[in-house]
Amino acid sequence: MDRIQTSDGVEIALVELGPGEARRILYTRLLDPRDHPADRGYQPIRIKFVLEREGDVQLFFGPGPNGRDTRDWIKMDRLLIE
């Protein structure tokens, strides 16, 4: 019988995209409600950052540290950029 894989959390990252393949991580957080009860429920996140030059950023939602997306999910509410 195959062992049921459980979530290892969801990574949230904000990354500044640079020239070529250059990337600069502005923010990263692992939400792991299975192992960390404080990560359960509504999780407001406020990210303050300054870009060194005009450019693009990427908001990334990905698998946890084991690289598995098994049973991972996340719901995003309002996104406000000022």
PDB file of N, CA and C in Angstrom:
ATOM      1  N   MET A   1       0.848  -1.175   0.000  1.00  0.00           N
ATOM      2  CA  MET A   1       0.000   0.000   0.000  1.00  0.00           C
ATOM      3  C   MET A   1       0.897   1.244   0.000  1.00  0.00           C
ATOM      4  N   ASP A   2       0.585   2.190  -0.879  1.00  0.00           N
ATOM      5  CA  ASP A   2       1.348   3.436  -0.928  1.00  0.00           C
ATOM      6  C   ASP A   2       1.018   4.303   0.265  1.00  0.00           C
ATOM      7  N   ARG A   3       2.059   4.920   0.796  1.00  0.00           N
ATOM      8  CA  ARG A   3       1.889   5.848   1.921  1.00  0.00           C
ATOM      9  C   ARG A   3       1.274   7.146   1.408  1.00  0.00           C
ATOM     10  N   ILE A   4       0.268   7.661   2.076  1.00  0.00           N
ATOM     11  CA  ILE A   4      -0.374   8.908   1.681  1.00  0.00           C
ATOM     12  C   ILE A   4       0.572  10.060   1.990  1.00  0.00           C
ATOM     13  N   GLN A   5       0.859  10.876   0.995  1.00  0.00           N
ATOM     14  CA  GLN A   5       1.722  12.042   1.162  1.00  0.00           C
ATOM     15  C   GLN A   5       0.904  13.191   1.744  1.00  0.00           C
ATOM     16  N   THR A   6       1.460  13.853   2.732  1.00  0.00           N
ATOM     17  CA  THR A   6       0.790  15.011   3.306  1.00  0.00           C
ATOM     18  C   THR A   6       1.564  16.267   2.928  1.00  0.00           C
ATOM     19  N   SER A   7       0.933  17.394   3.105  1.00  0.00           N
ATOM     20  CA  SER A   7       1.553  18.669   2.741  1.00  0.00           C
ATOM     21  C   SER A   7       2.771  18.959   3.615  1.00  0.00           C
ATOM     22  N   ASP A   8       3.766  19.565   3.008  1.00  0.00           N
ATOM     23  CA  ASP A   8       4.913  20.062   3.781  1.00  0.00           C
ATOM     24  C   ASP A   8       4.893  21.592   3.803  1.00  0.00           C
ATOM     25  N   GLY A   9       3.755  22.165   3.516  1.00  0.00           N
ATOM     26  CA  GLY A   9       3.585  23.605   3.571  1.00  0.00           C
ATOM     27  C   GLY A   9       3.596  24.243   2.197  1.00  0.00           C
ATOM     28  N   VAL A  10       3.394  25.558   2.195  1.00  0.00           N
ATOM     29  CA  VAL A  10       3.371  26.352   0.975  1.00  0.00           C
ATOM     30  C   VAL A  10       4.334  27.519   1.164  1.00  0.00           C
ATOM     31  N   GLU A  11       5.214  27.719   0.198  1.00  0.00           N
ATOM     32  CA  GLU A  11       6.138  28.844   0.247  1.00  0.00           C
ATOM     33  C   GLU A  11       5.513  30.043  -0.453  1.00  0.00           C
ATOM     34  N   ILE A  12       5.633  31.206   0.173  1.00  0.00           N
ATOM     35  CA  ILE A  12       5.225  32.470  -0.432  1.00  0.00           C
ATOM     36  C   ILE A  12       6.510  33.284  -0.586  1.00  0.00           C
ATOM     37  N   ALA A  13       6.735  33.799  -1.779  1.00  0.00           N
ATOM     38  CA  ALA A  13       7.949  34.586  -2.012  1.00  0.00           C
ATOM     39  C   ALA A  13       7.635  35.771  -2.916  1.00  0.00           C
ATOM     40  N   LEU A  14       8.282  36.883  -2.632  1.00  0.00           N
ATOM     41  CA  LEU A  14       8.242  38.057  -3.497  1.00  0.00           C
ATOM     42  C   LEU A  14       9.671  38.249  -3.989  1.00  0.00           C
ATOM     43  N   VAL A  15       9.833  38.269  -5.303  1.00  0.00           N
ATOM     44  CA  VAL A  15      11.162  38.275  -5.905  1.00  0.00           C
ATOM     45  C   VAL A  15      11.263  39.423  -6.899  1.00  0.00           C
ATOM     46  N   GLU A  16      12.372  40.172  -6.804  1.00  0.00           N
ATOM     47  CA  GLU A  16      12.661  41.202  -7.797  1.00  0.00           C
ATOM     48  C   GLU A  16      13.344  40.526  -8.977  1.00  0.00           C
ATOM     49  N   LEU A  17      12.814  40.764 -10.179  1.00  0.00           N
ATOM     50  CA  LEU A  17      13.391  40.192 -11.385  1.00  0.00           C
ATOM     51  C   LEU A  17      14.411  41.173 -11.945  1.00  0.00           C
ATOM     52  N   GLY A  18      15.622  40.696 -12.176  1.00  0.00           N
ATOM     53  CA  GLY A  18      16.687  41.552 -12.687  1.00  0.00           C
ATOM     54  C   GLY A  18      17.012  41.205 -14.120  1.00  0.00           C
ATOM     55  N   PRO A  19      18.089  41.768 -14.624  1.00  0.00           N
ATOM     56  CA  PRO A  19      18.497  41.467 -15.995  1.00  0.00           C
ATOM     57  C   PRO A  19      18.919  40.003 -16.131  1.00  0.00           C
ATOM     58  N   GLY A  20      18.603  39.426 -17.275  1.00  0.00           N
ATOM     59  CA  GLY A  20      18.948  38.016 -17.501  1.00  0.00           C
ATOM     60  C   GLY A  20      18.219  37.124 -16.516  1.00  0.00           C
ATOM     61  N   GLU A  21      18.959  36.294 -15.826  1.00  0.00           N
ATOM     62  CA  GLU A  21      18.393  35.370 -14.844  1.00  0.00           C
ATOM     63  C   GLU A  21      18.510  35.887 -13.406  1.00  0.00           C
ATOM     64  N   ALA A  22      18.955  37.128 -13.249  1.00  0.00           N
ATOM     65  CA  ALA A  22      19.174  37.677 -11.898  1.00  0.00           C
ATOM     66  C   ALA A  22      17.854  37.776 -11.134  1.00  0.00           C
ATOM     67  N   ARG A  23      17.908  37.399  -9.866  1.00  0.00           N
ATOM     68  CA  ARG A  23      16.747  37.466  -8.974  1.00  0.00           C
ATOM     69  C   ARG A  23      17.223  37.938  -7.603  1.00  0.00           C
ATOM     70  N   ARG A  24      16.366  38.715  -6.941  1.00  0.00           N
ATOM     71  CA  ARG A  24      16.670  39.118  -5.564  1.00  0.00           C
ATOM     72  C   ARG A  24      15.423  38.856  -4.733  1.00  0.00           C
ATOM     73  N   ILE A  25      15.544  38.022  -3.709  1.00  0.00           N
ATOM     74  CA  ILE A  25      14.409  37.697  -2.846  1.00  0.00           C
ATOM     75  C   ILE A  25      14.137  38.882  -1.930  1.00  0.00           C
ATOM     76  N   LEU A  26      12.926  39.413  -2.013  1.00  0.00           N
ATOM     77  CA  LEU A  26      12.509  40.525  -1.173  1.00  0.00           C
ATOM     78  C   LEU A  26      11.796  40.032   0.083  1.00  0.00           C
ATOM     79  N   TYR A  27      11.169  38.862  -0.026  1.00  0.00           N
ATOM     80  CA  TYR A  27      10.393  38.309   1.090  1.00  0.00           C
ATOM     81  C   TYR A  27      10.176  36.832   0.831  1.00  0.00           C
ATOM     82  N   THR A  28      10.241  36.041   1.871  1.00  0.00           N
ATOM     83  CA  THR A  28       9.875  34.638   1.754  1.00  0.00           C
ATOM     84  C   THR A  28       9.294  34.165   3.084  1.00  0.00           C
ATOM     85  N   ARG A  29       8.328  33.287   2.996  1.00  0.00           N
ATOM     86  CA  ARG A  29       7.702  32.730   4.196  1.00  0.00           C
ATOM     87  C   ARG A  29       7.133  31.358   3.865  1.00  0.00           C
ATOM     88  N   LEU A  30       7.314  30.433   4.781  1.00  0.00           N
ATOM     89  CA  LEU A  30       6.719  29.111   4.651  1.00  0.00           C
ATOM     90  C   LEU A  30       5.502  29.053   5.560  1.00  0.00           C
ATOM     91  N   LEU A  31       4.357  28.746   4.990  1.00  0.00           N
ATOM     92  CA  LEU A  31       3.156  28.486   5.789  1.00  0.00           C
ATOM     93  C   LEU A  31       2.998  26.977   5.885  1.00  0.00           C
ATOM     94  N   ASP A  32       3.010  26.457   7.092  1.00  0.00           N
ATOM     95  CA  ASP A  32       2.925  25.012   7.313  1.00  0.00           C
ATOM     96  C   ASP A  32       1.920  24.738   8.432  1.00  0.00           C
ATOM     97  N   PRO A  33       0.624  24.834   8.104  1.00  0.00           N
ATOM     98  CA  PRO A  33      -0.393  24.685   9.142  1.00  0.00           C
ATOM     99  C   PRO A  33      -0.457  23.293   9.771  1.00  0.00           C
ATOM    100  N   ARG A  34       0.041  22.283   9.075  1.00  0.00           N
ATOM    101  CA  ARG A  34       0.030  20.935   9.650  1.00  0.00           C
ATOM    102  C   ARG A  34       0.932  20.865  10.878  1.00  0.00           C
ATOM    103  N   ASP A  35       2.137  21.434  10.756  1.00  0.00           N
ATOM    104  CA  ASP A  35       3.114  21.333  11.832  1.00  0.00           C
ATOM    105  C   ASP A  35       3.201  22.575  12.714  1.00  0.00           C
ATOM    106  N   HIS A  36       2.593  23.668  12.291  1.00  0.00           N
ATOM    107  CA  HIS A  36       2.657  24.931  13.037  1.00  0.00           C
ATOM    108  C   HIS A  36       1.250  25.517  13.170  1.00  0.00           C
ATOM    109  N   PRO A  37       0.568  25.249  14.275  1.00  0.00           N
ATOM    110  CA  PRO A  37      -0.807  25.723  14.451  1.00  0.00           C
ATOM    111  C   PRO A  37      -0.977  27.235  14.238  1.00  0.00           C
ATOM    112  N   ALA A  38       0.055  28.034  14.511  1.00  0.00           N
ATOM    113  CA  ALA A  38      -0.058  29.482  14.312  1.00  0.00           C
ATOM    114  C   ALA A  38      -0.224  29.845  12.836  1.00  0.00           C
ATOM    115  N   ASP A  39       0.095  28.927  11.930  1.00  0.00           N
ATOM    116  CA  ASP A  39      -0.060  29.168  10.494  1.00  0.00           C
ATOM    117  C   ASP A  39      -1.458  28.832   9.989  1.00  0.00           C
ATOM    118  N   ARG A  40      -2.339  28.433  10.858  1.00  0.00           N
ATOM    119  CA  ARG A  40      -3.700  28.066  10.446  1.00  0.00           C
ATOM    120  C   ARG A  40      -4.594  29.302  10.395  1.00  0.00           C
ATOM    121  N   GLY A  41      -5.564  29.251   9.513  1.00  0.00           N
ATOM    122  CA  GLY A  41      -6.529  30.346   9.413  1.00  0.00           C
ATOM    123  C   GLY A  41      -5.979  31.526   8.611  1.00  0.00           C
ATOM    124  N   TYR A  42      -6.666  32.628   8.721  1.00  0.00           N
ATOM    125  CA  TYR A  42      -6.332  33.844   7.981  1.00  0.00           C
ATOM    126  C   TYR A  42      -4.945  34.350   8.367  1.00  0.00           C
ATOM    127  N   GLN A  43      -4.102  34.601   7.390  1.00  0.00           N
ATOM    128  CA  GLN A  43      -2.722  35.027   7.629  1.00  0.00           C
ATOM    129  C   GLN A  43      -2.445  36.321   6.868  1.00  0.00           C
ATOM    130  N   PRO A  44      -2.765  37.465   7.436  1.00  0.00           N
ATOM    131  CA  PRO A  44      -2.461  38.713   6.725  1.00  0.00           C
ATOM    132  C   PRO A  44      -0.946  38.891   6.604  1.00  0.00           C
ATOM    133  N   ILE A  45      -0.515  39.286   5.434  1.00  0.00           N
ATOM    134  CA  ILE A  45       0.911  39.480   5.182  1.00  0.00           C
ATOM    135  C   ILE A  45       1.102  40.874   4.604  1.00  0.00           C
ATOM    136  N   ARG A  46       1.978  41.625   5.216  1.00  0.00           N
ATOM    137  CA  ARG A  46       2.327  42.950   4.728  1.00  0.00           C
ATOM    138  C   ARG A  46       3.815  42.934   4.418  1.00  0.00           C
ATOM    139  N   ILE A  47       4.134  43.272   3.189  1.00  0.00           N
ATOM    140  CA  ILE A  47       5.531  43.252   2.744  1.00  0.00           C
ATOM    141  C   ILE A  47       5.918  44.673   2.349  1.00  0.00           C
ATOM    142  N   LYS A  48       6.870  45.226   3.056  1.00  0.00           N
ATOM    143  CA  LYS A  48       7.391  46.541   2.691  1.00  0.00           C
ATOM    144  C   LYS A  48       8.738  46.334   2.014  1.00  0.00           C
ATOM    145  N   PHE A  49       8.901  46.944   0.841  1.00  0.00           N
ATOM    146  CA  PHE A  49      10.159  46.804   0.115  1.00  0.00           C
ATOM    147  C   PHE A  49      10.372  48.022  -0.771  1.00  0.00           C
ATOM    148  N   VAL A  50      11.601  48.222  -1.146  1.00  0.00           N
ATOM    149  CA  VAL A  50      11.976  49.295  -2.059  1.00  0.00           C
ATOM    150  C   VAL A  50      12.819  48.679  -3.159  1.00  0.00           C
ATOM    151  N   LEU A  51      12.458  48.963  -4.391  1.00  0.00           N
ATOM    152  CA  LEU A  51      13.274  48.504  -5.510  1.00  0.00           C
ATOM    153  C   LEU A  51      14.413  49.484  -5.717  1.00  0.00           C
ATOM    154  N   GLU A  52      15.603  48.959  -5.949  1.00  0.00           N
ATOM    155  CA  GLU A  52      16.768  49.810  -6.178  1.00  0.00           C
ATOM    156  C   GLU A  52      16.696  50.515  -7.520  1.00  0.00           C
ATOM    157  N   ARG A  53      15.941  49.925  -8.461  1.00  0.00           N
ATOM    158  CA  ARG A  53      15.718  50.538  -9.770  1.00  0.00           C
ATOM    159  C   ARG A  53      14.356  50.067 -10.270  1.00  0.00           C
ATOM    160  N   GLU A  54      13.828  50.778 -11.238  1.00  0.00           N
ATOM    161  CA  GLU A  54      12.541  50.409 -11.819  1.00  0.00           C
ATOM    162  C   GLU A  54      12.635  48.998 -12.378  1.00  0.00           C
ATOM    163  N   GLY A  55      11.611  48.194 -12.145  1.00  0.00           N
ATOM    164  CA  GLY A  55      11.651  46.824 -12.636  1.00  0.00           C
ATOM    165  C   GLY A  55      10.405  46.055 -12.273  1.00  0.00           C
ATOM    166  N   ASP A  56      10.488  44.764 -12.429  1.00  0.00           N
ATOM    167  CA  ASP A  56       9.362  43.868 -12.190  1.00  0.00           C
ATOM    168  C   ASP A  56       9.590  43.040 -10.930  1.00  0.00           C
ATOM    169  N   VAL A  57       8.482  42.653 -10.306  1.00  0.00           N
ATOM    170  CA  VAL A  57       8.525  41.718  -9.193  1.00  0.00           C
ATOM    171  C   VAL A  57       7.589  40.558  -9.499  1.00  0.00           C
ATOM    172  N   GLN A  58       7.853  39.434  -8.869  1.00  0.00           N
ATOM    173  CA  GLN A  58       7.039  38.234  -9.046  1.00  0.00           C
ATOM    174  C   GLN A  58       6.577  37.763  -7.680  1.00  0.00           C
ATOM    175  N   LEU A  59       5.266  37.561  -7.533  1.00  0.00           N
ATOM    176  CA  LEU A  59       4.710  36.962  -6.321  1.00  0.00           C
ATOM    177  C   LEU A  59       4.545  35.478  -6.620  1.00  0.00           C
ATOM    178  N   PHE A  60       5.244  34.647  -5.840  1.00  0.00           N
ATOM    179  CA  PHE A  60       5.342  33.213  -6.110  1.00  0.00           C
ATOM    180  C   PHE A  60       4.702  32.423  -4.980  1.00  0.00           C
ATOM    181  N   PHE A  61       3.890  31.444  -5.330  1.00  0.00           N
ATOM    182  CA  PHE A  61       3.332  30.488  -4.383  1.00  0.00           C
ATOM    183  C   PHE A  61       3.808  29.113  -4.846  1.00  0.00           C
ATOM    184  N   GLY A  62       4.555  28.422  -4.000  1.00  0.00           N
ATOM    185  CA  GLY A  62       5.108  27.145  -4.418  1.00  0.00           C
ATOM    186  C   GLY A  62       5.097  26.113  -3.320  1.00  0.00           C
ATOM    187  N   PRO A  63       5.667  24.945  -3.614  1.00  0.00           N
ATOM    188  CA  PRO A  63       5.672  23.850  -2.649  1.00  0.00           C
ATOM    189  C   PRO A  63       6.595  24.139  -1.476  1.00  0.00           C
ATOM    190  N   GLY A  64       6.457  23.362  -0.430  1.00  0.00           N
ATOM    191  CA  GLY A  64       7.282  23.493   0.767  1.00  0.00           C
ATOM    192  C   GLY A  64       8.700  23.003   0.546  1.00  0.00           C
ATOM    193  N   PRO A  65       9.469  22.856   1.620  1.00  0.00           N
ATOM    194  CA  PRO A  65      10.891  22.552   1.518  1.00  0.00           C
ATOM    195  C   PRO A  65      11.220  21.207   0.865  1.00  0.00           C
ATOM    196  N   ASN A  66      10.286  20.284   0.853  1.00  0.00           N
ATOM    197  CA  ASN A  66      10.539  18.988   0.219  1.00  0.00           C
ATOM    198  C   ASN A  66      10.207  18.992  -1.268  1.00  0.00           C
ATOM    199  N   GLY A  67       9.715  20.135  -1.769  1.00  0.00           N
ATOM    200  CA  GLY A  67       9.410  20.252  -3.194  1.00  0.00           C
ATOM    201  C   GLY A  67       8.141  19.539  -3.624  1.00  0.00           C
ATOM    202  N   ARG A  68       7.351  19.078  -2.656  1.00  0.00           N
ATOM    203  CA  ARG A  68       6.110  18.367  -2.981  1.00  0.00           C
ATOM    204  C   ARG A  68       4.934  19.346  -2.957  1.00  0.00           C
ATOM    205  N   ASP A  69       4.079  19.244  -3.964  1.00  0.00           N
ATOM    206  CA  ASP A  69       2.869  20.063  -3.945  1.00  0.00           C
ATOM    207  C   ASP A  69       1.641  19.231  -3.570  1.00  0.00           C
ATOM    208  N   THR A  70       1.886  18.060  -3.011  1.00  0.00           N
ATOM    209  CA  THR A  70       0.819  17.165  -2.595  1.00  0.00           C
ATOM    210  C   THR A  70      -0.039  17.806  -1.507  1.00  0.00           C
ATOM    211  N   ARG A  71      -1.305  17.885  -1.735  1.00  0.00           N
ATOM    212  CA  ARG A  71      -2.289  18.385  -0.781  1.00  0.00           C
ATOM    213  C   ARG A  71      -2.044  19.840  -0.361  1.00  0.00           C
ATOM    214  N   ASP A  72      -1.292  20.594  -1.155  1.00  0.00           N
ATOM    215  CA  ASP A  72      -1.063  22.005  -0.865  1.00  0.00           C
ATOM    216  C   ASP A  72      -2.182  22.840  -1.485  1.00  0.00           C
ATOM    217  N   TRP A  73      -2.586  23.843  -0.777  1.00  0.00           N
ATOM    218  CA  TRP A  73      -3.507  24.825  -1.345  1.00  0.00           C
ATOM    219  C   TRP A  73      -3.390  26.107  -0.542  1.00  0.00           C
ATOM    220  N   ILE A  74      -3.750  27.194  -1.190  1.00  0.00           N
ATOM    221  CA  ILE A  74      -3.700  28.505  -0.550  1.00  0.00           C
ATOM    222  C   ILE A  74      -4.771  29.363  -1.206  1.00  0.00           C
ATOM    223  N   LYS A  75      -5.397  30.196  -0.434  1.00  0.00           N
ATOM    224  CA  LYS A  75      -6.412  31.111  -0.947  1.00  0.00           C
ATOM    225  C   LYS A  75      -5.905  32.527  -0.721  1.00  0.00           C
ATOM    226  N   MET A  76      -5.914  33.313  -1.782  1.00  0.00           N
ATOM    227  CA  MET A  76      -5.453  34.693  -1.653  1.00  0.00           C
ATOM    228  C   MET A  76      -6.654  35.622  -1.695  1.00  0.00           C
ATOM    229  N   ASP A  77      -6.667  36.536  -0.781  1.00  0.00           N
ATOM    230  CA  ASP A  77      -7.737  37.527  -0.708  1.00  0.00           C
ATOM    231  C   ASP A  77      -7.270  38.770  -1.453  1.00  0.00           C
ATOM    232  N   ARG A  78      -7.556  39.895  -0.940  1.00  0.00           N
ATOM    233  CA  ARG A  78      -7.236  41.176  -1.575  1.00  0.00           C
ATOM    234  C   ARG A  78      -5.731  41.399  -1.644  1.00  0.00           C
ATOM    235  N   LEU A  79      -5.262  41.849  -2.808  1.00  0.00           N
ATOM    236  CA  LEU A  79      -3.870  42.222  -2.993  1.00  0.00           C
ATOM    237  C   LEU A  79      -3.832  43.718  -3.244  1.00  0.00           C
ATOM    238  N   LEU A  80      -3.107  44.436  -2.420  1.00  0.00           N
ATOM    239  CA  LEU A  80      -3.032  45.892  -2.520  1.00  0.00           C
ATOM    240  C   LEU A  80      -1.573  46.276  -2.705  1.00  0.00           C
ATOM    241  N   ILE A  81      -1.300  47.007  -3.773  1.00  0.00           N
ATOM    242  CA  ILE A  81       0.050  47.494  -4.022  1.00  0.00           C
ATOM    243  C   ILE A  81      -0.013  49.012  -4.028  1.00  0.00           C
ATOM    244  N   GLU A  82       0.775  49.615  -3.151  1.00  0.00           N
ATOM    245  CA  GLU A  82       0.762  51.081  -3.047  1.00  0.00           C
ATOM    246  C   GLU A  82       2.087  51.644  -3.461  1.00  0.00           C
TER     247      GLU A  82
END
